[in-house]
Structure formats: structure tokens, C-alpha cells
PDB file of N, CA and C in Angstrom:
ATOM      1  N   UNK A   1       0.836  -1.180   0.000  1.00  0.00           N
ATOM      2  CA  UNK A   1       0.000   0.000   0.000  1.00  0.00           C
ATOM      3  C   UNK A   1       0.880   1.242   0.000  1.00  0.00           C
ATOM      4  N   UNK A   2       0.606   2.156  -0.895  1.00  0.00           N
ATOM      5  CA  UNK A   2       1.354   3.405  -0.924  1.00  0.00           C
ATOM      6  C   UNK A   2       0.442   4.547  -0.535  1.00  0.00           C
ATOM      7  N   UNK A   3       1.050   5.531   0.082  1.00  0.00           N
ATOM      8  CA  UNK A   3       0.305   6.738   0.420  1.00  0.00           C
ATOM      9  C   UNK A   3       0.262   7.628  -0.807  1.00  0.00           C
ATOM     10  N   UNK A   4      -0.873   8.195  -1.081  1.00  0.00           N
ATOM     11  CA  UNK A   4      -0.993   9.111  -2.200  1.00  0.00           C
ATOM     12  C   UNK A   4      -1.186  10.512  -1.645  1.00  0.00           C
ATOM     13  N   UNK A   5      -0.200  11.360  -1.923  1.00  0.00           N
ATOM     14  CA  UNK A   5      -0.292  12.751  -1.517  1.00  0.00           C
ATOM     15  C   UNK A   5      -0.629  13.564  -2.748  1.00  0.00           C
ATOM     16  N   UNK A   6      -1.641  14.343  -2.644  1.00  0.00           N
ATOM     17  CA  UNK A   6      -1.947  15.305  -3.685  1.00  0.00           C
ATOM     18  C   UNK A   6      -1.909  16.671  -3.029  1.00  0.00           C
ATOM     19  N   UNK A   7      -1.819  17.676  -3.832  1.00  0.00           N
ATOM     20  CA  UNK A   7      -1.817  19.023  -3.268  1.00  0.00           C
ATOM     21  C   UNK A   7      -3.069  19.231  -2.428  1.00  0.00           C
ATOM     22  N   UNK A   8      -4.201  18.734  -2.911  1.00  0.00           N
ATOM     23  CA  UNK A   8      -5.447  18.900  -2.169  1.00  0.00           C
ATOM     24  C   UNK A   8      -5.397  18.170  -0.826  1.00  0.00           C
ATOM     25  N   UNK A   9      -4.851  16.964  -0.813  1.00  0.00           N
ATOM     26  CA  UNK A   9      -4.760  16.196   0.429  1.00  0.00           C
ATOM     27  C   UNK A   9      -3.893  16.924   1.441  1.00  0.00           C
ATOM     28  N   UNK A  10      -2.755  17.404   0.984  1.00  0.00           N
ATOM     29  CA  UNK A  10      -1.844  18.076   1.904  1.00  0.00           C
ATOM     30  C   UNK A  10      -2.437  19.402   2.363  1.00  0.00           C
ATOM     31  N   UNK A  11      -3.068  20.101   1.468  1.00  0.00           N
ATOM     32  CA  UNK A  11      -3.694  21.372   1.867  1.00  0.00           C
ATOM     33  C   UNK A  11      -4.833  21.140   2.854  1.00  0.00           C
ATOM     34  N   UNK A  12      -5.506  19.998   2.750  1.00  0.00           N
ATOM     35  CA  UNK A  12      -6.558  19.682   3.714  1.00  0.00           C
ATOM     36  C   UNK A  12      -6.003  19.558   5.123  1.00  0.00           C
ATOM     37  N   UNK A  13      -4.715  19.239   5.233  1.00  0.00           N
ATOM     38  CA  UNK A  13      -4.094  19.100   6.545  1.00  0.00           C
ATOM     39  C   UNK A  13      -3.811  20.440   7.214  1.00  0.00           C
ATOM     40  N   UNK A  14      -3.854  21.513   6.443  1.00  0.00           N
ATOM     41  CA  UNK A  14      -3.517  22.822   6.991  1.00  0.00           C
ATOM     42  C   UNK A  14      -4.330  23.116   8.251  1.00  0.00           C
ATOM     43  N   UNK A  15      -5.602  22.797   8.228  1.00  0.00           N
ATOM     44  CA  UNK A  15      -6.452  23.072   9.378  1.00  0.00           C
ATOM     45  C   UNK A  15      -6.047  22.270  10.602  1.00  0.00           C
ATOM     46  N   UNK A  16      -5.363  21.146  10.387  1.00  0.00           N
ATOM     47  CA  UNK A  16      -4.958  20.296  11.500  1.00  0.00           C
ATOM     48  C   UNK A  16      -3.591  20.658  12.062  1.00  0.00           C
ATOM     49  N   UNK A  17      -2.853  21.450  11.321  1.00  0.00           N
ATOM     50  CA  UNK A  17      -1.465  21.698  11.680  1.00  0.00           C
ATOM     51  C   UNK A  17      -1.372  22.907  12.603  1.00  0.00           C
ATOM     52  N   UNK A  18      -1.018  22.632  13.865  1.00  0.00           N
ATOM     53  CA  UNK A  18      -0.788  23.737  14.781  1.00  0.00           C
ATOM     54  C   UNK A  18       0.707  23.984  14.937  1.00  0.00           C
ATOM     55  N   UNK A  19       1.507  23.016  14.516  1.00  0.00           N
ATOM     56  CA  UNK A  19       2.957  23.190  14.405  1.00  0.00           C
ATOM     57  C   UNK A  19       3.450  22.175  13.386  1.00  0.00           C
ATOM     58  N   UNK A  20       4.741  22.156  13.140  1.00  0.00           N
ATOM     59  CA  UNK A  20       5.282  21.293  12.105  1.00  0.00           C
ATOM     60  C   UNK A  20       5.352  19.823  12.453  1.00  0.00           C
ATOM     61  N   UNK A  21       5.015  19.436  13.675  1.00  0.00           N
ATOM     62  CA  UNK A  21       5.212  18.045  14.084  1.00  0.00           C
ATOM     63  C   UNK A  21       4.324  17.078  13.304  1.00  0.00           C
ATOM     64  N   UNK A  22       3.122  17.476  12.929  1.00  0.00           N
ATOM     65  CA  UNK A  22       2.234  16.577  12.192  1.00  0.00           C
ATOM     66  C   UNK A  22       2.815  16.287  10.805  1.00  0.00           C
ATOM     67  N   UNK A  23       3.247  17.311  10.114  1.00  0.00           N
ATOM     68  CA  UNK A  23       3.827  17.111   8.786  1.00  0.00           C
ATOM     69  C   UNK A  23       5.111  16.305   8.889  1.00  0.00           C
ATOM     70  N   UNK A  24       5.965  16.644   9.841  1.00  0.00           N
ATOM     71  CA  UNK A  24       7.222  15.909  10.019  1.00  0.00           C
ATOM     72  C   UNK A  24       6.952  14.439  10.295  1.00  0.00           C
ATOM     73  N   UNK A  25       5.976  14.141  11.144  1.00  0.00           N
ATOM     74  CA  UNK A  25       5.634  12.748  11.451  1.00  0.00           C
ATOM     75  C   UNK A  25       5.118  12.019  10.213  1.00  0.00           C
ATOM     76  N   UNK A  26       4.273  12.685   9.417  1.00  0.00           N
ATOM     77  CA  UNK A  26       3.775  12.065   8.185  1.00  0.00           C
ATOM     78  C   UNK A  26       4.920  11.746   7.232  1.00  0.00           C
ATOM     79  N   UNK A  27       5.844  12.687   7.080  1.00  0.00           N
ATOM     80  CA  UNK A  27       6.970  12.472   6.185  1.00  0.00           C
ATOM     81  C   UNK A  27       7.874  11.347   6.685  1.00  0.00           C
ATOM     82  N   UNK A  28       8.155  11.342   7.973  1.00  0.00           N
ATOM     83  CA  UNK A  28       9.041  10.329   8.538  1.00  0.00           C
ATOM     84  C   UNK A  28       8.423   8.936   8.535  1.00  0.00           C
ATOM     85  N   UNK A  29       7.108   8.846   8.590  1.00  0.00           N
ATOM     86  CA  UNK A  29       6.425   7.543   8.625  1.00  0.00           C
ATOM     87  C   UNK A  29       6.130   6.980   7.241  1.00  0.00           C
ATOM     88  N   UNK A  30       6.276   7.790   6.206  1.00  0.00           N
ATOM     89  CA  UNK A  30       5.941   7.369   4.850  1.00  0.00           C
ATOM     90  C   UNK A  30       7.083   6.541   4.257  1.00  0.00           C
ATOM     91  N   UNK A  31       6.818   5.296   3.866  1.00  0.00           N
ATOM     92  CA  UNK A  31       7.893   4.459   3.307  1.00  0.00           C
ATOM     93  C   UNK A  31       8.430   4.955   1.961  1.00  0.00           C
ATOM     94  N   UNK A  32       7.710   5.830   1.277  1.00  0.00           N
ATOM     95  CA  UNK A  32       8.164   6.376  -0.001  1.00  0.00           C
ATOM     96  C   UNK A  32       8.964   7.664   0.159  1.00  0.00           C
ATOM     97  N   UNK A  33       9.172   8.080   1.403  1.00  0.00           N
ATOM     98  CA  UNK A  33       9.867   9.336   1.679  1.00  0.00           C
ATOM     99  C   UNK A  33      11.168   9.052   2.420  1.00  0.00           C
ATOM    100  N   UNK A  34      12.238   9.682   1.955  1.00  0.00           N
ATOM    101  CA  UNK A  34      13.538   9.545   2.612  1.00  0.00           C
ATOM    102  C   UNK A  34      14.027  10.916   3.056  1.00  0.00           C
ATOM    103  N   UNK A  35      14.760  10.933   4.159  1.00  0.00           N
ATOM    104  CA  UNK A  35      15.336  12.150   4.727  1.00  0.00           C
ATOM    105  C   UNK A  35      16.819  12.123   4.403  1.00  0.00           C
ATOM    106  N   UNK A  36      17.297  13.090   3.628  1.00  0.00           N
ATOM    107  CA  UNK A  36      18.654  13.030   3.084  1.00  0.00           C
ATOM    108  C   UNK A  36      19.378  14.354   3.273  1.00  0.00           C
ATOM    109  N   UNK A  37      20.698  14.291   3.129  1.00  0.00           N
ATOM    110  CA  UNK A  37      21.500  15.503   3.088  1.00  0.00           C
ATOM    111  C   UNK A  37      21.328  16.154   1.727  1.00  0.00           C
ATOM    112  N   UNK A  38      21.216  17.461   1.706  1.00  0.00           N
ATOM    113  CA  UNK A  38      21.061  18.176   0.442  1.00  0.00           C
ATOM    114  C   UNK A  38      22.236  17.910  -0.502  1.00  0.00           C
ATOM    115  N   UNK A  39      23.409  17.684   0.052  1.00  0.00           N
ATOM    116  CA  UNK A  39      24.587  17.378  -0.774  1.00  0.00           C
ATOM    117  C   UNK A  39      24.366  16.141  -1.632  1.00  0.00           C
ATOM    118  N   UNK A  40      23.567  15.177  -1.142  1.00  0.00           N
ATOM    119  CA  UNK A  40      23.282  13.962  -1.900  1.00  0.00           C
ATOM    120  C   UNK A  40      22.470  14.253  -3.152  1.00  0.00           C
ATOM    121  N   UNK A  41      21.913  15.464  -3.225  1.00  0.00           N
ATOM    122  CA  UNK A  41      21.119  15.885  -4.386  1.00  0.00           C
ATOM    123  C   UNK A  41      21.890  16.887  -5.241  1.00  0.00           C
ATOM    124  N   UNK A  42      23.179  17.029  -4.949  1.00  0.00           N
ATOM    125  CA  UNK A  42      23.990  17.977  -5.701  1.00  0.00           C
ATOM    126  C   UNK A  42      23.799  19.412  -5.263  1.00  0.00           C
ATOM    127  N   UNK A  43      23.227  19.608  -4.076  1.00  0.00           N
ATOM    128  CA  UNK A  43      22.956  20.950  -3.575  1.00  0.00           C
ATOM    129  C   UNK A  43      24.007  21.348  -2.540  1.00  0.00           C
ATOM    130  N   UNK A  44      24.117  22.626  -2.296  1.00  0.00           N
ATOM    131  CA  UNK A  44      25.052  23.168  -1.322  1.00  0.00           C
ATOM    132  C   UNK A  44      24.750  22.588   0.061  1.00  0.00           C
ATOM    133  N   UNK A  45      25.803  22.267   0.808  1.00  0.00           N
ATOM    134  CA  UNK A  45      25.629  21.670   2.140  1.00  0.00           C
ATOM    135  C   UNK A  45      24.875  22.598   3.088  1.00  0.00           C
ATOM    136  N   UNK A  46      24.896  23.900   2.825  1.00  0.00           N
ATOM    137  CA  UNK A  46      24.177  24.847   3.691  1.00  0.00           C
ATOM    138  C   UNK A  46      22.662  24.705   3.582  1.00  0.00           C
ATOM    139  N   UNK A  47      22.193  23.934   2.612  1.00  0.00           N
ATOM    140  CA  UNK A  47      20.750  23.663   2.492  1.00  0.00           C
ATOM    141  C   UNK A  47      20.285  22.709   3.590  1.00  0.00           C
ATOM    142  N   UNK A  48      21.214  22.002   4.208  1.00  0.00           N
ATOM    143  CA  UNK A  48      20.859  21.103   5.304  1.00  0.00           C
ATOM    144  C   UNK A  48      20.266  19.792   4.816  1.00  0.00           C
ATOM    145  N   UNK A  49      19.254  19.336   5.515  1.00  0.00           N
ATOM    146  CA  UNK A  49      18.597  18.070   5.178  1.00  0.00           C
ATOM    147  C   UNK A  49      17.226  18.358   4.575  1.00  0.00           C
ATOM    148  N   UNK A  50      16.743  17.418   3.777  1.00  0.00           N
ATOM    149  CA  UNK A  50      15.429  17.563   3.159  1.00  0.00           C
ATOM    150  C   UNK A  50      14.820  16.190   2.945  1.00  0.00           C
ATOM    151  N   UNK A  51      13.543  16.170   2.644  1.00  0.00           N
ATOM    152  CA  UNK A  51      12.831  14.930   2.373  1.00  0.00           C
ATOM    153  C   UNK A  51      12.612  14.799   0.874  1.00  0.00           C
ATOM    154  N   UNK A  52      12.683  13.580   0.392  1.00  0.00           N
ATOM    155  CA  UNK A  52      12.341  13.274  -0.992  1.00  0.00           C
ATOM    156  C   UNK A  52      11.244  12.227  -0.961  1.00  0.00           C
ATOM    157  N   UNK A  53      10.151  12.507  -1.662  1.00  0.00           N
ATOM    158  CA  UNK A  53       9.080  11.525  -1.780  1.00  0.00           C
ATOM    159  C   UNK A  53       9.070  11.022  -3.213  1.00  0.00           C
ATOM    160  N   UNK A  54       9.365   9.730  -3.389  1.00  0.00           N
ATOM    161  CA  UNK A  54       9.466   9.141  -4.726  1.00  0.00           C
ATOM    162  C   UNK A  54       8.110   8.932  -5.365  1.00  0.00           C
ATOM    163  N   UNK A  55       7.091   8.721  -4.565  1.00  0.00           N
ATOM    164  CA  UNK A  55       5.761   8.483  -5.116  1.00  0.00           C
ATOM    165  C   UNK A  55       5.208   9.739  -5.789  1.00  0.00           C
ATOM    166  N   UNK A  56       5.423  10.873  -5.161  1.00  0.00           N
ATOM    167  CA  UNK A  56       4.886  12.130  -5.691  1.00  0.00           C
ATOM    168  C   UNK A  56       5.915  12.964  -6.428  1.00  0.00           C
ATOM    169  N   UNK A  57       7.210  12.578  -6.334  1.00  0.00           N
ATOM    170  CA  UNK A  57       8.297  13.337  -6.947  1.00  0.00           C
ATOM    171  C   UNK A  57       8.397  14.744  -6.354  1.00  0.00           C
ATOM    172  N   UNK A  58       8.277  14.839  -5.040  1.00  0.00           N
ATOM    173  CA  UNK A  58       8.431  16.108  -4.336  1.00  0.00           C
ATOM    174  C   UNK A  58       9.720  16.120  -3.541  1.00  0.00           C
ATOM    175  N   UNK A  59      10.338  17.283  -3.466  1.00  0.00           N
ATOM    176  CA  UNK A  59      11.375  17.565  -2.487  1.00  0.00           C
ATOM    177  C   UNK A  59      10.722  18.478  -1.465  1.00  0.00           C
ATOM    178  N   UNK A  60      10.877  18.137  -0.197  1.00  0.00           N
ATOM    179  CA  UNK A  60      10.233  18.888   0.869  1.00  0.00           C
ATOM    180  C   UNK A  60      11.303  19.425   1.801  1.00  0.00           C
ATOM    181  N   UNK A  61      11.181  20.686   2.147  1.00  0.00           N
ATOM    182  CA  UNK A  61      12.152  21.317   3.026  1.00  0.00           C
ATOM    183  C   UNK A  61      11.434  22.133   4.083  1.00  0.00           C
ATOM    184  N   UNK A  62      12.030  22.185   5.266  1.00  0.00           N
ATOM    185  CA  UNK A  62      11.493  23.074   6.295  1.00  0.00           C
ATOM    186  C   UNK A  62      12.520  24.153   6.626  1.00  0.00           C
ATOM    187  N   UNK A  63      13.382  24.421   5.650  1.00  0.00           N
ATOM    188  CA  UNK A  63      14.403  25.445   5.821  1.00  0.00           C
ATOM    189  C   UNK A  63      14.378  26.384   4.620  1.00  0.00           C
ATOM    190  N   UNK A  64      14.433  27.656   4.864  1.00  0.00           N
ATOM    191  CA  UNK A  64      14.478  28.628   3.774  1.00  0.00           C
ATOM    192  C   UNK A  64      15.779  28.608   3.007  1.00  0.00           C
ATOM    193  N   UNK A  65      16.799  27.953   3.586  1.00  0.00           N
ATOM    194  CA  UNK A  65      18.102  27.941   2.926  1.00  0.00           C
ATOM    195  C   UNK A  65      18.079  27.200   1.595  1.00  0.00           C
ATOM    196  N   UNK A  66      17.101  26.337   1.373  1.00  0.00           N
ATOM    197  CA  UNK A  66      16.988  25.641   0.096  1.00  0.00           C
ATOM    198  C   UNK A  66      16.721  26.653  -1.020  1.00  0.00           C
ATOM    199  N   UNK A  67      15.973  27.680  -0.716  1.00  0.00           N
ATOM    200  CA  UNK A  67      15.754  28.749  -1.692  1.00  0.00           C
ATOM    201  C   UNK A  67      17.052  29.492  -1.972  1.00  0.00           C
ATOM    202  N   UNK A  68      17.716  29.910  -0.923  1.00  0.00           N
ATOM    203  CA  UNK A  68      18.891  30.755  -1.091  1.00  0.00           C
ATOM    204  C   UNK A  68      20.094  29.990  -1.628  1.00  0.00           C
ATOM    205  N   UNK A  69      20.430  28.863  -1.003  1.00  0.00           N
ATOM    206  CA  UNK A  69      21.632  28.123  -1.377  1.00  0.00           C
ATOM    207  C   UNK A  69      21.378  27.046  -2.430  1.00  0.00           C
ATOM    208  N   UNK A  70      20.131  26.648  -2.631  1.00  0.00           N
ATOM    209  CA  UNK A  70      19.832  25.575  -3.564  1.00  0.00           C
ATOM    210  C   UNK A  70      19.294  26.021  -4.903  1.00  0.00           C
ATOM    211  N   UNK A  71      19.051  27.305  -5.042  1.00  0.00           N
ATOM    212  CA  UNK A  71      18.519  27.818  -6.298  1.00  0.00           C
ATOM    213  C   UNK A  71      17.036  27.572  -6.473  1.00  0.00           C
ATOM    214  N   UNK A  72      16.358  27.176  -5.403  1.00  0.00           N
ATOM    215  CA  UNK A  72      14.932  26.868  -5.515  1.00  0.00           C
ATOM    216  C   UNK A  72      14.055  28.112  -5.478  1.00  0.00           C
ATOM    217  N   UNK A  73      14.661  29.279  -5.281  1.00  0.00           N
ATOM    218  CA  UNK A  73      13.862  30.506  -5.330  1.00  0.00           C
ATOM    219  C   UNK A  73      13.343  30.760  -6.734  1.00  0.00           C
ATOM    220  N   UNK A  74      13.941  30.089  -7.727  1.00  0.00           N
ATOM    221  CA  UNK A  74      13.503  30.239  -9.107  1.00  0.00           C
ATOM    222  C   UNK A  74      12.395  29.266  -9.499  1.00  0.00           C
ATOM    223  N   UNK A  75      12.023  28.369  -8.579  1.00  0.00           N
ATOM    224  CA  UNK A  75      10.922  27.440  -8.856  1.00  0.00           C
ATOM    225  C   UNK A  75       9.638  28.250  -8.887  1.00  0.00           C
ATOM    226  N   UNK A  76       8.901  28.145  -9.976  1.00  0.00           N
ATOM    227  CA  UNK A  76       7.662  28.892 -10.164  1.00  0.00           C
ATOM    228  C   UNK A  76       6.673  28.599  -9.035  1.00  0.00           C
ATOM    229  N   UNK A  77       5.942  29.609  -8.634  1.00  0.00           N
ATOM    230  CA  UNK A  77       4.957  29.467  -7.552  1.00  0.00           C
ATOM    231  C   UNK A  77       3.920  28.385  -7.853  1.00  0.00           C
ATOM    232  N   UNK A  78       3.654  28.118  -9.119  1.00  0.00           N
ATOM    233  CA  UNK A  78       2.699  27.079  -9.492  1.00  0.00           C
ATOM    234  C   UNK A  78       3.244  25.679  -9.252  1.00  0.00           C
ATOM    235  N   UNK A  79       4.551  25.571  -8.972  1.00  0.00           N
ATOM    236  CA  UNK A  79       5.195  24.270  -8.822  1.00  0.00           C
ATOM    237  C   UNK A  79       5.660  24.013  -7.402  1.00  0.00           C
ATOM    238  N   UNK A  80       5.161  24.808  -6.465  1.00  0.00           N
ATOM    239  CA  UNK A  80       5.486  24.614  -5.054  1.00  0.00           C
ATOM    240  C   UNK A  80       4.362  25.163  -4.200  1.00  0.00           C
ATOM    241  N   UNK A  81       4.304  24.656  -2.983  1.00  0.00           N
ATOM    242  CA  UNK A  81       3.366  25.215  -2.018  1.00  0.00           C
ATOM    243  C   UNK A  81       3.944  25.049  -0.629  1.00  0.00           C
ATOM    244  N   UNK A  82       3.489  25.874   0.291  1.00  0.00           N
ATOM    245  CA  UNK A  82       4.026  25.885   1.642  1.00  0.00           C
ATOM    246  C   UNK A  82       2.906  25.679   2.644  1.00  0.00           C
ATOM    247  N   UNK A  83       3.193  24.839   3.624  1.00  0.00           N
ATOM    248  CA  UNK A  83       2.314  24.640   4.763  1.00  0.00           C
ATOM    249  C   UNK A  83       3.163  24.864   5.999  1.00  0.00           C
ATOM    250  N   UNK A  84       2.846  25.912   6.741  1.00  0.00           N
ATOM    251  CA  UNK A  84       3.658  26.236   7.914  1.00  0.00           C
ATOM    252  C   UNK A  84       5.096  26.480   7.489  1.00  0.00           C
ATOM    253  N   UNK A  85       6.027  25.732   8.080  1.00  0.00           N
ATOM    254  CA  UNK A  85       7.448  25.870   7.769  1.00  0.00           C
ATOM    255  C   UNK A  85       7.909  24.943   6.662  1.00  0.00           C
ATOM    256  N   UNK A  86       7.020  24.146   6.092  1.00  0.00           N
ATOM    257  CA  UNK A  86       7.378  23.137   5.103  1.00  0.00           C
ATOM    258  C   UNK A  86       6.985  23.586   3.697  1.00  0.00           C
ATOM    259  N   UNK A  87       7.951  23.517   2.782  1.00  0.00           N
ATOM    260  CA  UNK A  87       7.686  23.843   1.392  1.00  0.00           C
ATOM    261  C   UNK A  87       7.852  22.585   0.560  1.00  0.00           C
ATOM    262  N   UNK A  88       6.885  22.317  -0.296  1.00  0.00           N
ATOM    263  CA  UNK A  88       6.836  21.142  -1.171  1.00  0.00           C
ATOM    264  C   UNK A  88       7.128  21.609  -2.592  1.00  0.00           C
ATOM    265  N   UNK A  89       8.206  21.080  -3.174  1.00  0.00           N
ATOM    266  CA  UNK A  89       8.637  21.452  -4.525  1.00  0.00           C
ATOM    267  C   UNK A  89       8.372  20.284  -5.460  1.00  0.00           C
ATOM    268  N   UNK A  90       7.675  20.521  -6.535  1.00  0.00           N
ATOM    269  CA  UNK A  90       7.294  19.465  -7.471  1.00  0.00           C
ATOM    270  C   UNK A  90       8.386  19.188  -8.492  1.00  0.00           C
ATOM    271  N   UNK A  91       8.792  17.931  -8.560  1.00  0.00           N
ATOM    272  CA  UNK A  91       9.749  17.508  -9.566  1.00  0.00           C
ATOM    273  C   UNK A  91       9.110  17.238 -10.909  1.00  0.00           C
ATOM    274  N   UNK A  92       7.795  17.188 -10.938  1.00  0.00           N
ATOM    275  CA  UNK A  92       7.083  16.958 -12.205  1.00  0.00           C
ATOM    276  C   UNK A  92       7.142  18.187 -13.094  1.00  0.00           C
ATOM    277  N   UNK A  93       7.187  19.349 -12.458  1.00  0.00           N
ATOM    278  CA  UNK A  93       7.013  20.591 -13.200  1.00  0.00           C
ATOM    279  C   UNK A  93       8.241  21.489 -13.247  1.00  0.00           C
ATOM    280  N   UNK A  94       9.206  21.258 -12.392  1.00  0.00           N
ATOM    281  CA  UNK A  94      10.344  22.158 -12.280  1.00  0.00           C
ATOM    282  C   UNK A  94      11.635  21.452 -12.690  1.00  0.00           C
ATOM    283  N   UNK A  95      12.345  22.041 -13.630  1.00  0.00           N
ATOM    284  CA  UNK A  95      13.614  21.467 -14.062  1.00  0.00           C
ATOM    285  C   UNK A  95      14.634  21.447 -12.931  1.00  0.00           C
ATOM    286  N   UNK A  96      14.642  22.494 -12.097  1.00  0.00           N
ATOM    287  CA  UNK A  96      15.604  22.580 -10.992  1.00  0.00           C
ATOM    288  C   UNK A  96      15.367  21.447  -9.993  1.00  0.00           C
ATOM    289  N   UNK A  97      14.126  21.214  -9.655  1.00  0.00           N
ATOM    290  CA  UNK A  97      13.789  20.140  -8.719  1.00  0.00           C
ATOM    291  C   UNK A  97      14.074  18.791  -9.363  1.00  0.00           C
ATOM    292  N   UNK A  98      13.705  18.622 -10.616  1.00  0.00           N
ATOM    293  CA  UNK A  98      13.957  17.378 -11.344  1.00  0.00           C
ATOM    294  C   UNK A  98      15.448  17.059 -11.364  1.00  0.00           C
ATOM    295  N   UNK A  99      16.276  18.074 -11.602  1.00  0.00           N
ATOM    296  CA  UNK A  99      17.723  17.878 -11.628  1.00  0.00           C
ATOM    297  C   UNK A  99      18.232  17.348 -10.284  1.00  0.00           C
ATOM    298  N   UNK A 100      17.762  17.936  -9.182  1.00  0.00           N
ATOM    299  CA  UNK A 100      18.181  17.483  -7.849  1.00  0.00           C
ATOM    300  C   UNK A 100      17.725  16.048  -7.585  1.00  0.00           C
ATOM    301  N   UNK A 101      16.505  15.705  -7.999  1.00  0.00           N
ATOM    302  CA  UNK A 101      16.007  14.332  -7.833  1.00  0.00           C
ATOM    303  C   UNK A 101      16.848  13.351  -8.655  1.00  0.00           C
ATOM    304  N   UNK A 102      17.182  13.720  -9.877  1.00  0.00           N
ATOM    305  CA  UNK A 102      17.984  12.848 -10.741  1.00  0.00           C
ATOM    306  C   UNK A 102      19.381  12.632 -10.175  1.00  0.00           C
ATOM    307  N   UNK A 103      19.991  13.693  -9.638  1.00  0.00           N
ATOM    308  CA  UNK A 103      21.319  13.551  -9.050  1.00  0.00           C
ATOM    309  C   UNK A 103      21.258  12.621  -7.845  1.00  0.00           C
ATOM    310  N   UNK A 104      20.240  12.775  -7.013  1.00  0.00           N
ATOM    311  CA  UNK A 104      20.102  11.887  -5.858  1.00  0.00           C
ATOM    312  C   UNK A 104      19.954  10.431  -6.326  1.00  0.00           C
ATOM    313  N   UNK A 105      19.122  10.209  -7.309  1.00  0.00           N
ATOM    314  CA  UNK A 105      18.905   8.858  -7.832  1.00  0.00           C
ATOM    315  C   UNK A 105      20.213   8.274  -8.369  1.00  0.00           C
ATOM    316  N   UNK A 106      20.971   9.063  -9.107  1.00  0.00           N
ATOM    317  CA  UNK A 106      22.259   8.602  -9.647  1.00  0.00           C
ATOM    318  C   UNK A 106      23.230   8.268  -8.518  1.00  0.00           C
ATOM    319  N   UNK A 107      23.279   9.101  -7.487  1.00  0.00           N
ATOM    320  CA  UNK A 107      24.169   8.850  -6.354  1.00  0.00           C
ATOM    321  C   UNK A 107      23.807   7.575  -5.608  1.00  0.00           C
ATOM    322  N   UNK A 108      22.525   7.217  -5.595  1.00  0.00           N
ATOM    323  CA  UNK A 108      22.101   6.001  -4.911  1.00  0.00           C
ATOM    324  C   UNK A 108      22.479   4.745  -5.687  1.00  0.00           C
ATOM    325  N   UNK A 109      22.658   4.892  -6.996  1.00  0.00           N
ATOM    326  CA  UNK A 109      22.995   3.731  -7.833  1.00  0.00           C
ATOM    327  C   UNK A 109      24.482   3.420  -7.815  1.00  0.00           C
ATOM    328  N   UNK A 110      25.292   4.374  -7.341  1.00  0.00           N
ATOM    329  CA  UNK A 110      26.743   4.167  -7.324  1.00  0.00           C
ATOM    330  C   UNK A 110      27.167   3.237  -6.212  1.00  0.00           C
TER     331      UNK A 110
END
């Protein structure tokens, strides 16, 4: 069984989120989501750690440094959304996000 996250599903959680712990717990409990160093995705180490969800092709961050040091500030607003401190970047629509996902995948095959 896989969890299916859609923008609508995640946005429905907004009303339930009084802090980031609910989202963090969902991400950590999801078997399709991994918590990795940004360097593993070819990003600057100052981006810290982030989540990758293979089922939805999202990179999720709870740090603004991904925008500044990772070049994600150029990801179009239509290809990302934020809930509380967590920003979800779509790899389906953004070349920058897709590139980071591909680098991570390549690094895992080595």
C-alpha cells in the first residue's frame, strides 16, 4: 500500500497543523519518503537536510536555505506550495527540482 499525496490532500491538513510536528511525522512515517542531506542531491551543504518523496516526486524542506543556497527561489509558484514551515517542490514541473532528484537517484545507484 502506498500513500498518495496530492496538493489537495496536503492542503486539507492545513487546518490540522498547529505546528510542524504533524507534517514531520507524516513524512518520517511514509515508506516512499527519505530524509537526506542536500549534498546527496547535488545541492550546497548549507541547504541542510530535506525529504524526498518518490511516489509524488516532491522535495520537501522546512528550511528557507533551500531557496537561497539551492537555487529553488527560481521554482515557479505554481510548482510549489508551503504549509507552515514546510515547502513542497514538485519535480514533475520544475527542471531545478527534477535535476536534484535525478542527481540523488544517480548517487544512490553508485
